[in-house]
Amino acid sequence: MTRAFSGKVGTGFPSENATPKRLTRRVLFAGTSGLILAGCADLVGPPAAPKLYTLNPPLSGPLAGPKVAWALSIQTPDASAGLDSERIAITRPPSGLDYYADAAWADHLTALAGSVLLEAFERSGRIAAVARDSDAARADYVLSADLRDFSCRYDAGEGAPLAVVRFGARVVDAKSRKIAASAVFAKEVRAAANSVPAGVAALSEAYGGVLAELVPWVLDRGVPAA
């Protein structure tokens, strides 16, 4: 006897007449596809947060010498767009500026440098009237500065980098707006190893060396007596 054609078009789903083996294969395929998609979702998820670092230079305690009679206002240092960032700069001559991966400053570099600069004057014990420029406190002189370099320089291939800090400083008379003194301070410190923590430690040490020269320069010679 000849069977009649039902006229139904296949839907892509298992029919009631499908064999158990065929059903098993289709179920396994569907389960495997779900696992692959779940794995892809993990791969395209948000990147891991970078490890944060801060500046922690060794700052000198009270400095020898008399206390000054004038007040000082400290501006947040300026820097180029490449340095005024939360990214930790490195240089690979002659290719130029780059940054450490998966690492960042805890704040913009200029904000961190400004906070440490203020603390260095406070720790000197020789000036009672010192504040941030943003505090709008009355001051006789204003200290403005710019970070000209603040990077780990890879000058020896993949060896330990050289931390380089160059800091330009200007002391300005708050009334006349004339520059009373200006100078550039620079320090270089070889990192203990080729690693981000070692590089950051070397940058902190280099900046501490700059401040050890800058603070007494302002207090002793940079500003005439008020």
Protein backbone atom coordinates (compact mmCIF):
# COMPACT_ATOMS: atom_id res chain seq x y z
CA MET A 1 0.00 0.00 0.00
CA THR A 2 1.34 3.45 -0.88
CA ARG A 3 1.56 5.99 2.00
CA ALA A 4 -0.01 9.41 1.43
CA PHE A 5 2.23 12.56 1.60
CA SER A 6 1.14 14.70 4.52
CA GLY A 7 2.16 18.02 2.92
CA LYS A 8 3.91 19.38 6.09
CA VAL A 9 7.22 21.19 5.67
CA GLY A 10 10.04 20.44 8.16
CA THR A 11 10.29 22.97 11.00
CA GLY A 12 13.85 22.21 12.12
CA PHE A 13 12.63 20.73 15.44
CA PRO A 14 12.65 17.01 16.24
CA SER A 15 9.55 15.22 14.97
CA GLU A 16 7.58 12.77 17.00
CA ASN A 17 9.05 10.00 14.85
CA ALA A 18 12.70 11.01 15.45
CA THR A 19 14.90 8.23 16.80
CA PRO A 20 16.31 8.50 20.35
CA LYS A 21 19.91 8.70 18.98
CA ARG A 22 19.08 11.69 16.78
CA LEU A 23 17.35 13.47 19.68
CA THR A 24 20.39 12.88 21.89
CA ARG A 25 22.78 14.39 19.32
CA ARG A 26 20.63 17.50 18.93
CA VAL A 27 20.37 18.07 22.68
CA LEU A 28 24.13 17.69 23.11
CA PHE A 29 24.80 20.17 20.28
CA ALA A 30 22.47 22.75 21.82
CA GLY A 31 24.14 22.41 25.23
CA THR A 32 27.63 22.79 23.75
CA SER A 33 26.59 25.93 21.87
CA GLY A 34 25.35 27.49 25.11
CA LEU A 35 28.68 26.81 26.81
CA ILE A 36 30.60 28.43 23.93
CA LEU A 37 28.43 31.55 24.09
CA ALA A 38 28.89 31.79 27.86
CA GLY A 39 32.66 31.58 27.42
CA CYS A 40 32.60 34.38 24.83
CA ALA A 41 30.66 36.59 27.25
CA ASP A 42 33.46 36.20 29.80
CA LEU A 43 36.09 37.15 27.22
CA VAL A 44 34.39 40.40 26.20
CA GLY A 45 33.59 41.53 29.76
CA PRO A 46 35.02 44.68 31.38
CA PRO A 47 38.83 44.76 31.80
CA ALA A 48 40.37 44.32 35.21
CA ALA A 49 40.83 47.55 37.18
CA PRO A 50 44.42 48.85 37.13
CA LYS A 51 46.51 48.73 40.29
CA LEU A 52 46.72 52.21 41.85
CA TYR A 53 49.92 53.88 43.06
CA THR A 54 50.66 57.12 44.89
CA LEU A 55 53.73 59.28 45.43
CA ASN A 56 55.44 58.56 48.73
CA PRO A 57 58.83 60.28 48.64
CA PRO A 58 61.11 60.45 51.66
CA LEU A 59 60.56 63.98 53.03
CA SER A 60 62.98 65.67 55.39
CA GLY A 61 61.88 66.69 58.88
CA PRO A 62 62.38 70.17 60.33
CA LEU A 63 65.09 72.09 58.43
CA ALA A 64 67.82 74.14 60.02
CA GLY A 65 67.41 77.89 59.79
CA PRO A 66 65.12 80.67 61.00
CA LYS A 67 61.42 80.81 60.27
CA VAL A 68 60.39 83.16 57.48
CA ALA A 69 58.01 86.03 58.13
CA TRP A 70 56.10 85.89 54.84
CA ALA A 71 53.22 83.77 53.61
CA LEU A 72 53.45 81.41 50.64
CA SER A 73 50.71 80.20 48.31
CA ILE A 74 51.42 77.04 46.28
CA GLN A 75 49.80 76.47 42.91
CA THR A 76 49.11 72.98 41.58
CA PRO A 77 52.00 72.24 39.18
CA ASP A 78 51.37 72.38 35.45
CA ALA A 79 52.32 69.58 33.08
CA SER A 80 51.90 68.60 29.46
CA ALA A 81 48.83 66.59 28.48
CA GLY A 82 50.97 63.47 28.27
CA LEU A 83 52.05 63.77 31.91
CA ASP A 84 48.98 65.40 33.47
CA SER A 85 47.16 62.11 33.63
CA GLU A 86 46.41 59.19 35.89
CA ARG A 87 48.59 57.00 33.69
CA ILE A 88 52.20 56.32 34.73
CA ALA A 89 54.48 57.54 31.96
CA ILE A 90 57.44 55.65 30.51
CA THR A 91 59.76 56.57 27.65
CA ARG A 92 61.60 54.30 25.28
CA PRO A 93 64.09 56.38 23.28
CA PRO A 94 63.69 57.16 20.48
CA SER A 95 60.03 56.05 20.23
CA GLY A 96 58.79 58.56 22.82
CA LEU A 97 56.09 58.56 25.49
CA ASP A 98 54.17 55.45 26.55
CA TYR A 99 52.53 54.17 29.74
CA TYR A 100 52.64 51.17 32.04
CA ALA A 101 49.80 48.72 31.41
CA ASP A 102 47.37 47.76 34.20
CA ALA A 103 48.74 50.49 36.51
CA ALA A 104 47.71 54.06 37.29
CA TRP A 105 48.26 56.93 39.71
CA ALA A 106 45.62 57.23 42.43
CA ASP A 107 44.89 60.76 41.11
CA HIS A 108 46.16 63.02 38.35
CA LEU A 109 49.93 63.30 38.63
CA THR A 110 49.84 67.08 39.08
CA ALA A 111 47.40 66.76 42.00
CA LEU A 112 49.62 64.17 43.73
CA ALA A 113 52.76 66.25 43.13
CA GLY A 114 51.06 69.38 44.48
CA SER A 115 49.95 67.66 47.68
CA VAL A 116 53.46 66.35 48.37
CA LEU A 117 54.94 69.78 47.59
CA LEU A 118 52.71 71.43 50.20
CA GLU A 119 53.56 68.73 52.75
CA ALA A 120 57.29 69.30 52.18
CA PHE A 121 56.95 72.98 53.15
CA GLU A 122 54.80 72.10 56.16
CA ARG A 123 57.37 69.58 57.38
CA SER A 124 60.20 72.11 57.05
CA GLY A 125 59.03 73.81 60.24
CA ARG A 126 60.27 77.14 58.90
CA ILE A 127 57.09 78.61 57.44
CA ALA A 128 53.80 78.77 59.30
CA ALA A 129 51.78 80.54 56.61
CA VAL A 130 51.66 78.17 53.64
CA ALA A 131 48.56 77.03 51.78
CA ARG A 132 47.23 75.90 48.42
CA ASP A 133 46.45 78.58 45.88
CA SER A 134 42.89 77.21 45.74
CA ASP A 135 42.43 78.16 49.41
CA ALA A 136 42.51 81.85 48.37
CA ALA A 137 44.51 82.71 51.49
CA ARG A 138 46.44 85.98 51.69
CA ALA A 139 50.02 85.43 50.59
CA ASP A 140 53.15 87.50 49.98
CA TYR A 141 54.53 85.10 47.38
CA VAL A 142 53.17 82.47 45.04
CA LEU A 143 55.10 79.35 44.07
CA SER A 144 54.23 78.13 40.58
CA ALA A 145 55.83 75.12 38.98
CA ASP A 146 55.68 72.78 36.02
CA LEU A 147 56.57 69.13 35.72
CA ARG A 148 58.80 68.93 32.65
CA ASP A 149 59.52 65.24 33.01
CA PHE A 150 58.16 62.60 35.35
CA SER A 151 58.72 59.25 33.70
CA CYS A 152 60.59 55.96 33.80
CA ARG A 153 63.11 55.96 30.96
CA TYR A 154 64.01 52.59 29.46
CA ASP A 155 67.51 53.46 28.33
CA ALA A 156 68.96 49.98 28.81
CA GLY A 157 66.66 47.74 26.79
CA GLU A 158 64.53 45.67 29.13
CA GLY A 159 66.72 46.39 32.14
CA ALA A 160 65.67 48.47 35.14
CA PRO A 161 64.45 51.91 34.01
CA LEU A 162 65.83 55.29 35.02
CA ALA A 163 63.30 57.47 36.88
CA VAL A 164 63.63 61.05 35.61
CA VAL A 165 62.05 64.08 37.32
CA ARG A 166 62.53 67.65 36.03
CA PHE A 167 60.77 70.42 37.91
CA GLY A 168 60.70 74.10 36.97
CA ALA A 169 59.88 76.51 39.82
CA ARG A 170 59.07 80.23 39.91
CA VAL A 171 58.48 82.41 42.96
CA VAL A 172 56.20 85.32 42.13
CA ASP A 173 55.54 88.47 44.18
CA ALA A 174 51.82 88.36 44.90
CA LYS A 175 51.43 92.17 44.71
CA SER A 176 53.59 93.14 41.75
CA ARG A 177 53.29 89.78 39.92
CA LYS A 178 57.00 90.01 39.20
CA ILE A 179 59.15 86.88 39.31
CA ALA A 180 61.38 87.03 42.38
CA ALA A 181 63.33 83.88 41.52
CA SER A 182 63.25 80.90 39.17
CA ALA A 183 65.18 77.66 38.82
CA VAL A 184 64.98 74.14 37.39
CA PHE A 185 65.55 71.10 39.59
CA ALA A 186 66.25 67.60 38.26
CA LYS A 187 66.94 64.17 39.72
CA GLU A 188 67.50 60.73 38.22
CA VAL A 189 67.22 57.47 40.14
CA ARG A 190 67.80 53.99 38.75
CA ALA A 191 64.96 51.61 39.69
CA ALA A 192 65.85 48.48 41.63
CA ALA A 193 64.16 46.24 39.05
CA ASN A 194 62.18 46.27 35.82
CA SER A 195 58.74 46.39 37.42
CA VAL A 196 55.98 48.90 38.02
CA PRO A 197 56.43 49.00 41.84
CA ALA A 198 60.18 49.54 41.43
CA GLY A 199 59.61 52.25 38.85
CA VAL A 200 57.10 54.09 41.04
CA ALA A 201 59.46 53.83 44.04
CA ALA A 202 62.28 55.33 41.96
CA LEU A 203 60.02 58.19 40.79
CA SER A 204 59.05 58.90 44.40
CA GLU A 205 62.70 58.93 45.45
CA ALA A 206 63.65 61.25 42.57
CA TYR A 207 60.82 63.66 43.42
CA GLY A 208 61.86 63.61 47.06
CA GLY A 209 65.39 64.58 45.98
CA VAL A 210 63.99 67.51 43.98
CA LEU A 211 61.97 68.75 46.96
CA ALA A 212 64.97 68.42 49.28
CA GLU A 213 66.67 71.09 47.14
CA LEU A 214 63.64 73.19 46.22
CA VAL A 215 62.24 73.85 49.71
CA PRO A 216 65.44 75.35 51.20
CA TRP A 217 66.05 77.25 47.94
CA VAL A 218 62.70 79.00 48.39
CA LEU A 219 63.16 79.60 52.11
CA ASP A 220 66.83 80.66 52.03
CA ARG A 221 67.56 82.19 48.66
CA GLY A 222 64.53 82.06 46.40
CA VAL A 223 62.61 84.85 48.14
CA PRO A 224 63.91 88.10 49.61
CA ALA A 225 62.97 88.88 53.19
CA ALA A 226 59.46 90.31 53.56
